[in-house]
Amino acid sequence: MTTRHDASREVDSSSENDELEEVVSRLDALIIDAGLVGDSSEDEGLVTSEEEEVREESDSHAHIGWWYDGQDHDEGEVNTSSGWWYFDTAANVHVTGNPWYYVTFTPDPSQSQHIQGVTAALASRIAGVGTVAVITMVDGQQATVTLNDVFYVPGATNGLFSIGLAAEQGFDFDYDRQTEDFRVQDEGRTVIVASPHEATWGFQVTHPSNGNYVGPQDQPLSNFTAAEGVASLKLWHERLGHTCPQYLKMMVDKGLVRGMLMKQRDLDTCDACHIGKQKKKPHLKKLERNTKTPNQVVYADLLIPSKDNGTRFEAVLIIMDGFSRFVTLHMLTTTSG
């Protein structure tokens, strides 16, 4: 099991540390080693002020390798070696140790984040997170896979593929009982085939040979900017359920909605709004109902929250008078009787 932990939110508790060490020791036999050698020291990943400046100035570079050691590299120096990624892990994050896979990267100079359960060590430091592009073999053909939110752990020789995170990112999964292979699909296209290997599943990946990013087939790359929020008043009127145009202008002028911009502030006649007003029933001048006196009609409802609700009560009885709409709440310690 691989879990992400934020050291900045750590609570200094000896009992919690003892319990954590006990759990980690029990999981040593089940954890898949990601290839880190030795224990992660506090000095690992620390950079000098000059190296820090190189990192800050090179955010626009396509590959992490262009800033990782502060030197420029030729395309021939790009690490194109293949790598093994474990598939059937209990990891809740993607992990890799190859910096050349990244097409976008955000470093973590503080290195306050670390991952537990990757090696026998208590924690492995995370140097940053970004998007990777790797090439896999699917039925003899090359397929390019783009994975988001991949943590970079320096020194890890094997990658970890989080099935749960991939499912949240839109990937689909299929299992072939004959070949015992797991097939991962992205928008109906098979991009990963995980095969059984030594009582586990995994797949081989390679870096594009020319060191450039190769986008997925039939999937154009888009650059989403602030211009995506620019639309006419008519379009915003339809997007937000035919809201009053004056309210929409007020929202834009006062900056109440982030990213909401208008390129046209005039709105012609809205047919849908006119039809809705024509068919709308007139407002009642007085409340017409059969209830004439208090307590003539009483409504009751019993709310039963979960057992672990943090209180000693097991249910809430709600009683409302149909005439005055007066509501009374009764907290019940038991649902019987």
C-alpha atoms as a PDB file:
ATOM      1  CA  MET A   1       0.000   0.000   0.000  1.00  0.00           C
ATOM      2  CA  THR A   2       1.351   3.403  -0.986  1.00  0.00           C
ATOM      3  CA  THR A   3      -0.059   6.489   0.670  1.00  0.00           C
ATOM      4  CA  ARG A   4       0.738  10.182   0.400  1.00  0.00           C
ATOM      5  CA  HIS A   5       1.529  12.147   3.533  1.00  0.00           C
ATOM      6  CA  ASP A   6       2.052  15.865   4.187  1.00  0.00           C
ATOM      7  CA  ALA A   7       4.810  16.428   6.726  1.00  0.00           C
ATOM      8  CA  SER A   8       3.666  20.005   7.292  1.00  0.00           C
ATOM      9  CA  ARG A   9       0.539  18.693   9.000  1.00  0.00           C
ATOM     10  CA  GLU A  10       2.298  16.163  11.191  1.00  0.00           C
ATOM     11  CA  VAL A  11       1.256  15.920  14.801  1.00  0.00           C
ATOM     12  CA  ASP A  12       4.017  15.158  17.275  1.00  0.00           C
ATOM     13  CA  SER A  13       2.665  12.103  19.059  1.00  0.00           C
ATOM     14  CA  SER A  14       4.818   9.210  20.258  1.00  0.00           C
ATOM     15  CA  SER A  15       1.850   6.826  20.358  1.00  0.00           C
ATOM     16  CA  GLU A  16       0.954   7.566  16.743  1.00  0.00           C
ATOM     17  CA  ASN A  17       4.570   7.038  15.660  1.00  0.00           C
ATOM     18  CA  ASP A  18       4.692   3.674  17.437  1.00  0.00           C
ATOM     19  CA  GLU A  19       1.468   2.562  15.771  1.00  0.00           C
ATOM     20  CA  LEU A  20       2.735   3.749  12.386  1.00  0.00           C
ATOM     21  CA  GLU A  21       6.020   1.855  12.745  1.00  0.00           C
ATOM     22  CA  GLU A  22       4.112  -1.285  13.700  1.00  0.00           C
ATOM     23  CA  VAL A  23       1.841  -1.020  10.653  1.00  0.00           C
ATOM     24  CA  VAL A  24       4.777  -0.385   8.326  1.00  0.00           C
ATOM     25  CA  SER A  25       6.638  -3.394   9.705  1.00  0.00           C
ATOM     26  CA  ARG A  26       3.608  -5.616   9.061  1.00  0.00           C
ATOM     27  CA  LEU A  27       3.246  -4.329   5.519  1.00  0.00           C
ATOM     28  CA  ASP A  28       6.899  -4.934   4.602  1.00  0.00           C
ATOM     29  CA  ALA A  29       6.041  -8.372   3.231  1.00  0.00           C
ATOM     30  CA  LEU A  30       3.225  -6.981   1.076  1.00  0.00           C
ATOM     31  CA  ILE A  31       4.752  -3.758  -0.211  1.00  0.00           C
ATOM     32  CA  ILE A  32       6.163  -3.645  -3.707  1.00  0.00           C
ATOM     33  CA  ASP A  33       9.571  -2.076  -3.686  1.00  0.00           C
ATOM     34  CA  ALA A  34       9.710   0.852  -6.089  1.00  0.00           C
ATOM     35  CA  GLY A  35      13.480   0.533  -6.396  1.00  0.00           C
ATOM     36  CA  LEU A  36      14.775   3.156  -3.977  1.00  0.00           C
ATOM     37  CA  VAL A  37      18.143   2.191  -2.545  1.00  0.00           C
ATOM     38  CA  GLY A  38      18.664   2.699   1.162  1.00  0.00           C
ATOM     39  CA  ASP A  39      16.964   5.068   3.553  1.00  0.00           C
ATOM     40  CA  SER A  40      15.901   8.545   2.439  1.00  0.00           C
ATOM     41  CA  SER A  41      17.980  11.067   4.326  1.00  0.00           C
ATOM     42  CA  GLU A  42      17.023  14.587   5.161  1.00  0.00           C
ATOM     43  CA  ASP A  43      19.825  15.896   2.925  1.00  0.00           C
ATOM     44  CA  GLU A  44      18.500  14.114  -0.170  1.00  0.00           C
ATOM     45  CA  GLY A  45      16.873  16.446  -2.645  1.00  0.00           C
ATOM     46  CA  LEU A  46      18.244  19.592  -1.012  1.00  0.00           C
ATOM     47  CA  VAL A  47      19.545  22.126  -3.491  1.00  0.00           C
ATOM     48  CA  THR A  48      21.793  25.136  -3.260  1.00  0.00           C
ATOM     49  CA  SER A  49      20.642  28.667  -3.890  1.00  0.00           C
ATOM     50  CA  GLU A  50      22.118  28.593  -7.417  1.00  0.00           C
ATOM     51  CA  GLU A  51      20.314  25.348  -8.244  1.00  0.00           C
ATOM     52  CA  GLU A  52      17.114  26.795  -6.811  1.00  0.00           C
ATOM     53  CA  GLU A  53      17.408  29.756  -9.189  1.00  0.00           C
ATOM     54  CA  VAL A  54      17.869  27.360 -12.092  1.00  0.00           C
ATOM     55  CA  ARG A  55      14.680  25.570 -11.090  1.00  0.00           C
ATOM     56  CA  GLU A  56      12.657  28.767 -10.837  1.00  0.00           C
ATOM     57  CA  GLU A  57      13.906  30.105 -14.167  1.00  0.00           C
ATOM     58  CA  SER A  58      13.248  26.887 -16.088  1.00  0.00           C
ATOM     59  CA  ASP A  59       9.561  26.282 -15.392  1.00  0.00           C
ATOM     60  CA  SER A  60       8.820  26.814 -19.073  1.00  0.00           C
ATOM     61  CA  HIS A  61      11.027  23.910 -20.200  1.00  0.00           C
ATOM     62  CA  ALA A  62       9.260  20.870 -21.521  1.00  0.00           C
ATOM     63  CA  HIS A  63      11.235  18.247 -19.560  1.00  0.00           C
ATOM     64  CA  ILE A  64      12.283  18.050 -15.959  1.00  0.00           C
ATOM     65  CA  GLY A  65      15.736  16.995 -17.141  1.00  0.00           C
ATOM     66  CA  TRP A  66      16.474  20.491 -18.414  1.00  0.00           C
ATOM     67  CA  TRP A  67      16.521  21.891 -14.896  1.00  0.00           C
ATOM     68  CA  TYR A  68      17.208  18.859 -12.763  1.00  0.00           C
ATOM     69  CA  ASP A  69      21.011  19.204 -12.774  1.00  0.00           C
ATOM     70  CA  GLY A  70      21.174  22.817 -13.941  1.00  0.00           C
ATOM     71  CA  GLN A  71      22.797  21.951 -17.278  1.00  0.00           C
ATOM     72  CA  ASP A  72      21.574  21.851 -20.860  1.00  0.00           C
ATOM     73  CA  HIS A  73      21.504  18.510 -22.642  1.00  0.00           C
ATOM     74  CA  ASP A  74      21.449  17.436 -26.238  1.00  0.00           C
ATOM     75  CA  GLU A  75      18.651  15.285 -27.537  1.00  0.00           C
ATOM     76  CA  GLY A  76      21.041  12.357 -27.729  1.00  0.00           C
ATOM     77  CA  GLU A  77      21.501  12.477 -23.976  1.00  0.00           C
ATOM     78  CA  VAL A  78      17.808  11.905 -23.260  1.00  0.00           C
ATOM     79  CA  ASN A  79      17.220   8.775 -21.229  1.00  0.00           C
ATOM     80  CA  THR A  80      15.275   6.521 -23.579  1.00  0.00           C
ATOM     81  CA  SER A  81      15.677   3.349 -21.552  1.00  0.00           C
ATOM     82  CA  SER A  82      12.607   1.291 -20.842  1.00  0.00           C
ATOM     83  CA  GLY A  83      11.087   1.047 -17.401  1.00  0.00           C
ATOM     84  CA  TRP A  84       8.748  -1.287 -15.537  1.00  0.00           C
ATOM     85  CA  TRP A  85       5.563  -0.015 -13.934  1.00  0.00           C
ATOM     86  CA  TYR A  86       3.676  -2.078 -11.368  1.00  0.00           C
ATOM     87  CA  PHE A  87      -0.052  -2.210 -12.041  1.00  0.00           C
ATOM     88  CA  ASP A  88      -1.897  -4.123  -9.295  1.00  0.00           C
ATOM     89  CA  THR A  89      -0.683  -2.083  -6.340  1.00  0.00           C
ATOM     90  CA  ALA A  90      -2.620  -0.515  -3.494  1.00  0.00           C
ATOM     91  CA  ALA A  91      -1.115   2.865  -4.337  1.00  0.00           C
ATOM     92  CA  ASN A  92      -3.401   5.880  -4.332  1.00  0.00           C
ATOM     93  CA  VAL A  93      -0.951   7.978  -6.384  1.00  0.00           C
ATOM     94  CA  HIS A  94       1.150   7.521  -9.524  1.00  0.00           C
ATOM     95  CA  VAL A  95       4.896   7.364  -8.829  1.00  0.00           C
ATOM     96  CA  THR A  96       7.962   7.393 -11.087  1.00  0.00           C
ATOM     97  CA  GLY A  97      11.679   7.901 -10.648  1.00  0.00           C
ATOM     98  CA  ASN A  98      12.524   8.795 -14.261  1.00  0.00           C
ATOM     99  CA  PRO A  99      12.556  12.594 -14.752  1.00  0.00           C
ATOM    100  CA  TRP A 100      12.615  12.319 -18.549  1.00  0.00           C
ATOM    101  CA  TYR A 101       9.016  11.085 -18.670  1.00  0.00           C
ATOM    102  CA  TYR A 102       7.670  14.497 -17.623  1.00  0.00           C
ATOM    103  CA  VAL A 103       6.204  16.987 -20.068  1.00  0.00           C
ATOM    104  CA  THR A 104       5.057  19.389 -17.340  1.00  0.00           C
ATOM    105  CA  PHE A 105       6.458  19.507 -13.839  1.00  0.00           C
ATOM    106  CA  THR A 106       5.980  21.511 -10.637  1.00  0.00           C
ATOM    107  CA  PRO A 107       8.893  21.087  -8.194  1.00  0.00           C
ATOM    108  CA  ASP A 108       8.468  20.994  -4.430  1.00  0.00           C
ATOM    109  CA  PRO A 109      11.516  22.835  -2.998  1.00  0.00           C
ATOM    110  CA  SER A 110      10.350  22.320   0.585  1.00  0.00           C
ATOM    111  CA  GLN A 111       9.963  18.562   0.051  1.00  0.00           C
ATOM    112  CA  SER A 112       7.433  18.481   2.888  1.00  0.00           C
ATOM    113  CA  GLN A 113       5.488  15.770   1.052  1.00  0.00           C
ATOM    114  CA  HIS A 114       6.479  12.136   1.325  1.00  0.00           C
ATOM    115  CA  ILE A 115       5.082   8.726   0.451  1.00  0.00           C
ATOM    116  CA  GLN A 116       4.769   5.877   2.907  1.00  0.00           C
ATOM    117  CA  GLY A 117       4.918   2.215   1.974  1.00  0.00           C
ATOM    118  CA  VAL A 118       7.120   2.488  -1.102  1.00  0.00           C
ATOM    119  CA  THR A 119      10.163   0.903   0.530  1.00  0.00           C
ATOM    120  CA  ALA A 120      11.112  -0.521   3.894  1.00  0.00           C
ATOM    121  CA  ALA A 121      12.021   3.012   4.928  1.00  0.00           C
ATOM    122  CA  LEU A 122       9.412   4.965   6.838  1.00  0.00           C
ATOM    123  CA  ALA A 123       8.981   7.576   4.116  1.00  0.00           C
ATOM    124  CA  SER A 124      10.240   8.527   0.653  1.00  0.00           C
ATOM    125  CA  ARG A 125      10.455  12.208  -0.193  1.00  0.00           C
ATOM    126  CA  ILE A 126       8.519  13.661  -3.148  1.00  0.00           C
ATOM    127  CA  ALA A 127      10.500  16.099  -5.288  1.00  0.00           C
ATOM    128  CA  GLY A 128       7.489  17.324  -7.267  1.00  0.00           C
ATOM    129  CA  VAL A 129       4.441  16.411  -9.318  1.00  0.00           C
ATOM    130  CA  GLY A 130       3.545  16.725 -12.984  1.00  0.00           C
ATOM    131  CA  THR A 131       2.289  15.097 -16.176  1.00  0.00           C
ATOM    132  CA  VAL A 132       4.200  12.268 -17.855  1.00  0.00           C
ATOM    133  CA  ALA A 133       4.049  10.928 -21.404  1.00  0.00           C
ATOM    134  CA  VAL A 134       5.264   7.372 -21.995  1.00  0.00           C
ATOM    135  CA  ILE A 135       5.049   4.853 -24.823  1.00  0.00           C
ATOM    136  CA  THR A 136       3.654   1.352 -24.318  1.00  0.00           C
ATOM    137  CA  MET A 137       3.231  -1.628 -26.622  1.00  0.00           C
ATOM    138  CA  VAL A 138      -0.355  -2.672 -27.371  1.00  0.00           C
ATOM    139  CA  ASP A 139      -0.787  -5.667 -29.698  1.00  0.00           C
ATOM    140  CA  GLY A 140       2.521  -4.937 -31.387  1.00  0.00           C
ATOM    141  CA  GLN A 141       1.754  -1.245 -31.887  1.00  0.00           C
ATOM    142  CA  GLN A 142       3.088   1.738 -29.965  1.00  0.00           C
ATOM    143  CA  ALA A 143       0.617   3.738 -27.901  1.00  0.00           C
ATOM    144  CA  THR A 144       1.281   7.007 -26.107  1.00  0.00           C
ATOM    145  CA  VAL A 145      -0.097   7.364 -22.581  1.00  0.00           C
ATOM    146  CA  THR A 146      -0.508  10.675 -20.770  1.00  0.00           C
ATOM    147  CA  LEU A 147      -0.809  10.460 -16.978  1.00  0.00           C
ATOM    148  CA  ASN A 148      -1.553  13.445 -14.765  1.00  0.00           C
ATOM    149  CA  ASP A 149      -0.635  13.985 -11.114  1.00  0.00           C
ATOM    150  CA  VAL A 150       2.440  11.732 -11.179  1.00  0.00           C
ATOM    151  CA  PHE A 151       4.779  12.160  -8.196  1.00  0.00           C
ATOM    152  CA  TYR A 152       8.504  12.227  -8.828  1.00  0.00           C
ATOM    153  CA  VAL A 153      10.539  10.256  -6.261  1.00  0.00           C
ATOM    154  CA  PRO A 154      14.271  10.506  -7.071  1.00  0.00           C
ATOM    155  CA  GLY A 155      16.000   7.142  -7.293  1.00  0.00           C
ATOM    156  CA  ALA A 156      12.908   5.006  -7.875  1.00  0.00           C
ATOM    157  CA  THR A 157      13.703   2.536 -10.660  1.00  0.00           C
ATOM    158  CA  ASN A 158      10.157   1.171 -10.955  1.00  0.00           C
ATOM    159  CA  GLY A 159       6.935   3.097 -11.434  1.00  0.00           C
ATOM    160  CA  LEU A 160       3.653   2.659  -9.581  1.00  0.00           C
ATOM    161  CA  PHE A 161       0.332   2.903 -11.416  1.00  0.00           C
ATOM    162  CA  SER A 162      -2.640   3.781  -9.200  1.00  0.00           C
ATOM    163  CA  ILE A 163      -5.771   2.054 -10.468  1.00  0.00           C
ATOM    164  CA  GLY A 164      -8.064   4.140  -8.276  1.00  0.00           C
ATOM    165  CA  LEU A 165      -6.548   7.446  -9.363  1.00  0.00           C
ATOM    166  CA  ALA A 166      -6.592   6.358 -13.017  1.00  0.00           C
ATOM    167  CA  ALA A 167     -10.299   5.536 -12.729  1.00  0.00           C
ATOM    168  CA  GLU A 168     -10.954   9.033 -11.365  1.00  0.00           C
ATOM    169  CA  GLN A 169      -8.983  10.475 -14.283  1.00  0.00           C
ATOM    170  CA  GLY A 170     -11.290   8.799 -16.820  1.00  0.00           C
ATOM    171  CA  PHE A 171      -9.489   5.550 -17.669  1.00  0.00           C
ATOM    172  CA  ASP A 172     -11.498   2.351 -18.193  1.00  0.00           C
ATOM    173  CA  PHE A 173     -10.371  -1.178 -17.333  1.00  0.00           C
ATOM    174  CA  ASP A 174     -11.026  -4.601 -18.846  1.00  0.00           C
ATOM    175  CA  TYR A 175      -9.764  -8.074 -17.910  1.00  0.00           C
ATOM    176  CA  ASP A 176      -9.031 -10.821 -20.427  1.00  0.00           C
ATOM    177  CA  ARG A 177      -9.568 -14.193 -18.749  1.00  0.00           C
ATOM    178  CA  GLN A 178      -7.739 -16.125 -21.472  1.00  0.00           C
ATOM    179  CA  THR A 179      -4.509 -14.131 -21.423  1.00  0.00           C
ATOM    180  CA  GLU A 180      -4.970 -12.909 -17.817  1.00  0.00           C
ATOM    181  CA  ASP A 181      -4.101  -9.397 -19.002  1.00  0.00           C
ATOM    182  CA  PHE A 182      -5.575  -6.134 -17.770  1.00  0.00           C
ATOM    183  CA  ARG A 183      -6.295  -3.653 -20.549  1.00  0.00           C
ATOM    184  CA  VAL A 184      -6.500   0.065 -19.762  1.00  0.00           C
ATOM    185  CA  GLN A 185      -8.512   2.199 -22.162  1.00  0.00           C
ATOM    186  CA  ASP A 186      -8.564   5.955 -22.688  1.00  0.00           C
ATOM    187  CA  GLU A 187     -11.607   7.207 -24.622  1.00  0.00           C
ATOM    188  CA  GLY A 188     -12.162   3.742 -26.089  1.00  0.00           C
ATOM    189  CA  ARG A 189      -8.527   3.295 -27.160  1.00  0.00           C
ATOM    190  CA  THR A 190      -6.374   0.670 -25.434  1.00  0.00           C
ATOM    191  CA  VAL A 191      -3.227   2.376 -24.168  1.00  0.00           C
ATOM    192  CA  ILE A 192      -1.882  -0.065 -21.547  1.00  0.00           C
ATOM    193  CA  VAL A 193      -1.767  -3.859 -21.389  1.00  0.00           C
ATOM    194  CA  ALA A 194      -0.657  -5.122 -17.964  1.00  0.00           C
ATOM    195  CA  SER A 195       0.599  -8.721 -18.035  1.00  0.00           C
ATOM    196  CA  PRO A 196       1.158 -11.082 -15.085  1.00  0.00           C
ATOM    197  CA  HIS A 197       4.755 -11.196 -13.916  1.00  0.00           C
ATOM    198  CA  GLU A 198       6.021 -12.906 -10.754  1.00  0.00           C
ATOM    199  CA  ALA A 199       2.634 -13.019  -9.002  1.00  0.00           C
ATOM    200  CA  THR A 200       1.859  -9.426  -9.924  1.00  0.00           C
ATOM    201  CA  TRP A 201       0.849  -7.383 -12.954  1.00  0.00           C
ATOM    202  CA  GLY A 202       2.850  -4.734 -14.731  1.00  0.00           C
ATOM    203  CA  PHE A 203       3.731  -3.147 -18.048  1.00  0.00           C
ATOM    204  CA  GLN A 204       6.834  -1.867 -19.823  1.00  0.00           C
ATOM    205  CA  VAL A 205       7.144   1.782 -20.860  1.00  0.00           C
ATOM    206  CA  THR A 206       9.701   3.696 -22.903  1.00  0.00           C
ATOM    207  CA  HIS A 207      10.452   7.359 -23.459  1.00  0.00           C
ATOM    208  CA  PRO A 208       9.922   8.847 -26.950  1.00  0.00           C
ATOM    209  CA  SER A 209      13.174   8.213 -28.827  1.00  0.00           C
ATOM    210  CA  ASN A 210      13.611  11.810 -29.971  1.00  0.00           C
ATOM    211  CA  GLY A 211      13.016  13.298 -26.550  1.00  0.00           C
ATOM    212  CA  ASN A 212       9.928  15.209 -27.736  1.00  0.00           C
ATOM    213  CA  TYR A 213       6.391  14.806 -26.483  1.00  0.00           C
ATOM    214  CA  VAL A 214       4.152  12.760 -28.766  1.00  0.00           C
ATOM    215  CA  GLY A 215       0.470  13.442 -28.094  1.00  0.00           C
ATOM    216  CA  PRO A 216      -2.166  10.693 -28.144  1.00  0.00           C
ATOM    217  CA  GLN A 217      -3.690   9.889 -31.498  1.00  0.00           C
ATOM    218  CA  ASP A 218      -6.872  11.734 -32.455  1.00  0.00           C
ATOM    219  CA  GLN A 219      -6.651  13.803 -29.272  1.00  0.00           C
ATOM    220  CA  PRO A 220      -5.632  17.430 -29.921  1.00  0.00           C
ATOM    221  CA  LEU A 221      -3.866  19.311 -27.187  1.00  0.00           C
ATOM    222  CA  SER A 222      -5.674  22.355 -25.815  1.00  0.00           C
ATOM    223  CA  ASN A 223      -4.398  25.350 -23.925  1.00  0.00           C
ATOM    224  CA  PHE A 224      -7.121  26.514 -21.558  1.00  0.00           C
ATOM    225  CA  THR A 225      -6.653  30.171 -20.703  1.00  0.00           C
ATOM    226  CA  ALA A 226      -8.728  32.960 -19.240  1.00  0.00           C
ATOM    227  CA  ALA A 227     -10.275  33.485 -22.668  1.00  0.00           C
ATOM    228  CA  GLU A 228     -12.388  30.367 -22.083  1.00  0.00           C
ATOM    229  CA  GLY A 229     -14.568  32.444 -19.742  1.00  0.00           C
ATOM    230  CA  VAL A 230     -15.238  35.159 -22.334  1.00  0.00           C
ATOM    231  CA  ALA A 231     -18.777  34.928 -23.725  1.00  0.00           C
ATOM    232  CA  SER A 232     -21.664  37.139 -24.699  1.00  0.00           C
ATOM    233  CA  LEU A 233     -24.419  38.168 -22.317  1.00  0.00           C
ATOM    234  CA  LYS A 234     -26.836  35.955 -24.226  1.00  0.00           C
ATOM    235  CA  LEU A 235     -24.633  32.893 -23.725  1.00  0.00           C
ATOM    236  CA  TRP A 236     -24.168  33.537 -20.002  1.00  0.00           C
ATOM    237  CA  HIS A 237     -27.924  34.119 -19.723  1.00  0.00           C
ATOM    238  CA  GLU A 238     -28.548  30.652 -21.162  1.00  0.00           C
ATOM    239  CA  ARG A 239     -25.731  28.986 -19.218  1.00  0.00           C
ATOM    240  CA  LEU A 240     -27.020  30.170 -15.848  1.00  0.00           C
ATOM    241  CA  GLY A 241     -30.642  29.155 -16.316  1.00  0.00           C
ATOM    242  CA  HIS A 242     -31.971  32.379 -17.877  1.00  0.00           C
ATOM    243  CA  THR A 243     -30.902  34.586 -14.997  1.00  0.00           C
ATOM    244  CA  CYS A 244     -31.884  38.246 -15.151  1.00  0.00           C
ATOM    245  CA  PRO A 245     -29.407  40.114 -17.417  1.00  0.00           C
ATOM    246  CA  GLN A 246     -29.017  42.908 -14.879  1.00  0.00           C
ATOM    247  CA  TYR A 247     -27.874  40.400 -12.262  1.00  0.00           C
ATOM    248  CA  LEU A 248     -25.357  38.924 -14.717  1.00  0.00           C
ATOM    249  CA  LYS A 249     -23.872  42.354 -15.436  1.00  0.00           C
ATOM    250  CA  MET A 250     -23.611  43.008 -11.711  1.00  0.00           C
ATOM    251  CA  MET A 251     -21.792  39.694 -11.210  1.00  0.00           C
ATOM    252  CA  VAL A 252     -19.217  40.640 -13.852  1.00  0.00           C
ATOM    253  CA  ASP A 253     -18.755  44.265 -12.772  1.00  0.00           C
ATOM    254  CA  LYS A 254     -18.239  43.380  -9.107  1.00  0.00           C
ATOM    255  CA  GLY A 255     -16.117  40.311  -9.847  1.00  0.00           C
ATOM    256  CA  LEU A 256     -18.441  37.958  -7.980  1.00  0.00           C
ATOM    257  CA  VAL A 257     -17.621  35.031 -10.297  1.00  0.00           C
ATOM    258  CA  ARG A 258     -14.022  34.149 -11.041  1.00  0.00           C
ATOM    259  CA  GLY A 259     -13.280  33.771 -14.761  1.00  0.00           C
ATOM    260  CA  MET A 260     -16.609  35.244 -15.914  1.00  0.00           C
ATOM    261  CA  LEU A 261     -16.006  37.802 -18.678  1.00  0.00           C
ATOM    262  CA  MET A 262     -18.342  39.391 -21.225  1.00  0.00           C
ATOM    263  CA  LYS A 263     -17.589  40.510 -24.761  1.00  0.00           C
ATOM    264  CA  GLN A 264     -21.139  41.732 -25.472  1.00  0.00           C
ATOM    265  CA  ARG A 265     -23.447  43.308 -22.882  1.00  0.00           C
ATOM    266  CA  ASP A 266     -26.596  43.643 -25.000  1.00  0.00           C
ATOM    267  CA  LEU A 267     -29.325  41.007 -24.851  1.00  0.00           C
ATOM    268  CA  ASP A 268     -32.079  40.730 -27.414  1.00  0.00           C
ATOM    269  CA  THR A 269     -35.500  39.309 -26.681  1.00  0.00           C
ATOM    270  CA  CYS A 270     -35.306  35.870 -25.078  1.00  0.00           C
ATOM    271  CA  ASP A 271     -38.137  33.690 -26.404  1.00  0.00           C
ATOM    272  CA  ALA A 272     -37.799  31.137 -23.622  1.00  0.00           C
ATOM    273  CA  CYS A 273     -38.188  33.805 -20.941  1.00  0.00           C
ATOM    274  CA  HIS A 274     -41.284  35.273 -22.632  1.00  0.00           C
ATOM    275  CA  ILE A 275     -42.945  31.870 -22.952  1.00  0.00           C
ATOM    276  CA  GLY A 276     -42.208  31.120 -19.307  1.00  0.00           C
ATOM    277  CA  LYS A 277     -43.744  34.400 -18.167  1.00  0.00           C
ATOM    278  CA  GLN A 278     -46.846  33.840 -20.302  1.00  0.00           C
ATOM    279  CA  LYS A 279     -47.476  30.378 -18.862  1.00  0.00           C
ATOM    280  CA  LYS A 280     -46.612  31.302 -15.296  1.00  0.00           C
ATOM    281  CA  LYS A 281     -49.521  31.122 -12.880  1.00  0.00           C
ATOM    282  CA  PRO A 282     -50.453  34.388 -11.112  1.00  0.00           C
ATOM    283  CA  HIS A 283     -49.372  34.899  -7.538  1.00  0.00           C
ATOM    284  CA  LEU A 284     -52.013  34.159  -4.901  1.00  0.00           C
ATOM    285  CA  LYS A 285     -53.200  37.191  -2.974  1.00  0.00           C
ATOM    286  CA  LYS A 286     -53.849  35.071   0.074  1.00  0.00           C
ATOM    287  CA  LEU A 287     -52.943  31.576   1.205  1.00  0.00           C
ATOM    288  CA  GLU A 288     -55.812  29.284   0.257  1.00  0.00           C
ATOM    289  CA  ARG A 289     -55.775  26.018   2.178  1.00  0.00           C
ATOM    290  CA  ASN A 290     -58.081  23.761   4.130  1.00  0.00           C
ATOM    291  CA  THR A 291     -56.174  24.058   7.410  1.00  0.00           C
ATOM    292  CA  LYS A 292     -57.950  26.615   9.571  1.00  0.00           C
ATOM    293  CA  THR A 293     -56.655  26.112  13.144  1.00  0.00           C
ATOM    294  CA  PRO A 294     -53.363  25.135  14.796  1.00  0.00           C
ATOM    295  CA  ASN A 295     -52.740  21.417  15.397  1.00  0.00           C
ATOM    296  CA  GLN A 296     -55.438  20.532  12.862  1.00  0.00           C
ATOM    297  CA  VAL A 297     -52.769  18.883  10.718  1.00  0.00           C
ATOM    298  CA  VAL A 298     -49.402  17.842  12.125  1.00  0.00           C
ATOM    299  CA  TYR A 299     -46.468  16.589  10.055  1.00  0.00           C
ATOM    300  CA  ALA A 300     -43.773  14.382  11.568  1.00  0.00           C
ATOM    301  CA  ASP A 301     -40.536  12.944  10.276  1.00  0.00           C
ATOM    302  CA  LEU A 302     -37.913  10.735  11.910  1.00  0.00           C
ATOM    303  CA  LEU A 303     -34.294  11.300  10.931  1.00  0.00           C
ATOM    304  CA  ILE A 304     -31.863   8.493  11.770  1.00  0.00           C
ATOM    305  CA  PRO A 305     -28.214   9.479  11.151  1.00  0.00           C
ATOM    306  CA  SER A 306     -25.309   7.054  11.107  1.00  0.00           C
ATOM    307  CA  LYS A 307     -24.182   5.446  14.336  1.00  0.00           C
ATOM    308  CA  ASP A 308     -20.831   7.235  14.250  1.00  0.00           C
ATOM    309  CA  ASN A 309     -22.340  10.733  14.221  1.00  0.00           C
ATOM    310  CA  GLY A 310     -20.236  12.016  17.101  1.00  0.00           C
ATOM    311  CA  THR A 311     -23.164  12.385  19.532  1.00  0.00           C
ATOM    312  CA  ARG A 312     -25.078  10.186  21.954  1.00  0.00           C
ATOM    313  CA  PHE A 313     -28.320  10.599  20.023  1.00  0.00           C
ATOM    314  CA  GLU A 314     -29.561   7.942  17.615  1.00  0.00           C
ATOM    315  CA  ALA A 315     -32.460   9.782  15.987  1.00  0.00           C
ATOM    316  CA  VAL A 316     -34.090  13.180  15.511  1.00  0.00           C
ATOM    317  CA  LEU A 317     -37.887  13.561  15.617  1.00  0.00           C
ATOM    318  CA  ILE A 318     -39.158  16.557  13.620  1.00  0.00           C
ATOM    319  CA  ILE A 319     -42.730  17.778  14.221  1.00  0.00           C
ATOM    320  CA  MET A 320     -44.321  20.653  12.269  1.00  0.00           C
ATOM    321  CA  ASP A 321     -47.736  22.239  12.710  1.00  0.00           C
ATOM    322  CA  GLY A 322     -49.542  22.442   9.362  1.00  0.00           C
ATOM    323  CA  PHE A 323     -51.204  25.781  10.144  1.00  0.00           C
ATOM    324  CA  SER A 324     -48.483  27.873  11.797  1.00  0.00           C
ATOM    325  CA  ARG A 325     -45.516  25.985  10.272  1.00  0.00           C
ATOM    326  CA  PHE A 326     -44.005  25.875  13.766  1.00  0.00           C
ATOM    327  CA  VAL A 327     -41.253  23.234  13.911  1.00  0.00           C
ATOM    328  CA  THR A 328     -40.158  21.314  17.005  1.00  0.00           C
ATOM    329  CA  LEU A 329     -37.072  19.078  17.184  1.00  0.00           C
ATOM    330  CA  HIS A 330     -36.684  16.232  19.664  1.00  0.00           C
ATOM    331  CA  MET A 331     -33.286  14.549  20.040  1.00  0.00           C
ATOM    332  CA  LEU A 332     -33.779  10.850  20.803  1.00  0.00           C
ATOM    333  CA  THR A 333     -31.209   8.659  22.514  1.00  0.00           C
ATOM    334  CA  THR A 334     -32.911   5.480  21.294  1.00  0.00           C
ATOM    335  CA  THR A 335     -35.170   4.520  18.412  1.00  0.00           C
ATOM    336  CA  SER A 336     -37.152   1.961  20.419  1.00  0.00           C
ATOM    337  CA  GLY A 337     -40.314   2.878  22.296  1.00  0.00           C
END
